[in-house]
Each structure stands twice: as structure tokens, then as C-alpha cells.
């Protein structure tokens, strides 16, 4: 199924306009990522908690029921009173002291409506609102971190595959020369030296190819683990790295913006500020109204009654509540300082990354120009070698410079991918193309 999808992708008329393979990979990772799914569930849980906290002004309605047998004198006397069936004989000392065991059943329904709670639950509801914002930012941070990691691995693979192809070209060229090279006798020092140079360069190339293969395996294994895709990744041909990076690893705004990580800390700080008010309310009264109606049943009869009124609860002193608001204030200050510190650090890193990115782009332009000149030089050197105007050792020198250029360009491109991925990770949004 994957091969059919890739074949359809390759014959699409828009095959060079967008790297749909990467978008498909990112969608797989978003679906399979435990971290992203966990962050999303955390947002939903916090949103549900906010709904609950916003209903703090709703009345509490309750239903109670109990059935019991008791020989307790007080319980029996008050049970008779609740049935409204007290008789004169019930007040005799012997009857009161030895009521026997009697069964009673009581059912009640009631309502409690807080009118004033010192602002505690209102403050907690506001704190929950900021907690929800923090969770949303945390979700975006998780997505951005995963996206940056996946994009870095994917486009690093793209760079390494290009390096692999270029190294194969040089290796094949050396094999072609060696298969036709007949001046390798030790009696001809110049020719033999050229043969040794070609073989040495061949071994050097083999080491570079082995290193390239190890990196390819590491990057591809990481992507497969994240995406759950065990098939080999396929890359579009004839696509410039610069175009891919502009599409998938470029920021919407060049300047620094506070990242989702920083906004998470600020939202948590705002939530902590609301807790200050909640803690101060511990020293304030609570006022509410209540009502309860019940039915009471015993061996003599069943009766009903009700109670309704207003209540006041006020903790005049509690050792545990002392300095609670001070603690909340310190927590708020700490959260604010942490947010500012992270923002300052990110801004410095972002600025350094932008400078590095500009430097790497300039280096790539220089390397591309050098590659064009070296390609031309290689064509000339090959013709001169075929015509016997230069020896193999001189050709080896040109080929060595080509290999060095391939590796230098690969190193710069890998560093550019890493730098752009880091800048994106420090930003607040994914590229517009994936919105």
C-alpha cells in the first residue's frame, strides 16, 4: 500500500511543488506520538476542570437515606418525636431508660446554595482559566518540539542521501580509472605513485561511505520509531534543499517571538497570581442558604418535616492558614522570574541562531560556486589524463578536492538544517504550510 502511494506521489504533476512525503510522515507522527496525544488529553482534562470550577455558584442538591435499629434512649426518644407520635407513657423513667430496640428509617432531600465564599472559588476558577491556557501552550510546545526533531532528522537524511550519491559517483569514477589504468608498475615511480594515490583515495571514500551509512541508519531509525512506519523512506529527486527548508523549516516572522514554552510559564504565573486571592479568602466568612425536607418512619407512624435558613461559617483562627497568601505570592514571583529568565535565554539563542544561519547560507553559496569550478576542473583534468598530459597523481589531487568539497558541503548543510530546526523550536508556530 505504501509503495502504491509513493508511486502515485511520484507521477503526480505537482510532485516538485511540495514534499508530500514529509507531510504524510508528520501526520503519522502526530497520530502515533504518545507525547502529543498525552498533551492533547491534558488540555481536554484541564478544560473539563475549568467547566467544573465555573459552576461553583451552582447549588448543591443532595439526597440522604438511612435505616437503623437502636436501643439508645436518646435515639428512640427523638425518633418518636420525629414521627410526631410521643405519648404520655413515653416520659416514664423506665420507658425512657429501657426503650428496647426499635427500627427507624429516614429519607431527606436538601439544597445548599453558597452566597459568599470570600472569593475563593472565583479565584480558583480564574486560575483554572490560566491553567487551561498554559496546557494549550504546552500542547503547541510539544508539537513544535516534535516537528522540529522530525524535520531535522528528515532533511538531514535528505542531505546524507545526496552525499551518498555524490560519493558513489566519485567512487565509480575511480573504479573506472583503475580498471583501465595500466601504468601501475613499480618500475614507473610516477605511475605507481598515482596508482597508490587512487587506491588510497578509494579507501578514504570507503570510510566516508561507511560513516554516511551509519548516519543514515541512525536518522531513519529515529523517524521510524516516532512515526510507527517501518517502511523505507522515499525522497523526491531534483528538489533543492533550500526550497525544502523554506517550505518546512522557515519562520513566518524573522524577528523573535515568545515561544509556546515561554507563554506556558507566563500563563502558569498568572494562574499563581489568582491563587493569592484564593488563599486570602481563607480569613473571610462564608455565607449561604440551605433547605432540607425529610420523612421519618418508625413502628408508630411516618412523619415529614423541613428546615430552611441561612448559615455563617468563619474560621477566626487556623494555624495552617497563617501566611498562606504570602506563600502564594512567592510562588507567583518565582513563576514570573522563571518565565522572564527563559524568555531572555531563548532570545539570546534565537539571535545566535539567526547569525549562524546567515553565515551558513553564505558558506553554502561559496561552496556551490566552488563546486561549479571544481566540476569544470574535473572535466578538464579527466580529458588531460586521457590524453596523457597529466599523470594519475595529479588527477588524484583533483578528485581529493572533490571529495573534500562533498564532505564540507554536507557538514554545512547538516548544520543549516539543525540551526533552522532549532530556530523553529524557539518560535511559537509551525510553518504556515502545515496549518
Foldseek 3Di string as FASTA:
>chain_A
DVVVVVVCLQPDPCNQVAFVLLVVLLVLLCVPPPVLVVLVVVLVVLVVVLVVLVCPQPKDKDKDKDKDKDQQLVVVVVLCVLQVNDDPVCPDPVCSVGVDIWMKMKIKIKIWGWDDQLCQSVLLSVLSVLLSLLSVLVSLLVSLLVLLLLLLLVVLLVLLVVLLVLLVVLLVVLVVCVVVQDQCDVVPVQQVVLVVLSVVVNVVSVVVNVVSVVSNVVSQVVSCVSSVDPDDRDGDPPHDSVVNCVQFLDDPDLAADFASNLSSLVSNLVSLVSVLSNLVSLQPKIKIKMKMKMWMDTPPGIDIDMDIDMDIDGDNDDPVSPCPSVVSVVVSVVSVVVSVVVRVVLNVLLVVLVVLLVVLVVVLVVLVVVLVVLVVVLVVVVVCVVVVNDHSNVNSVSSVVSSVSSVVNSVSSSVNSSSSSSNSSSHHDGRPVSD
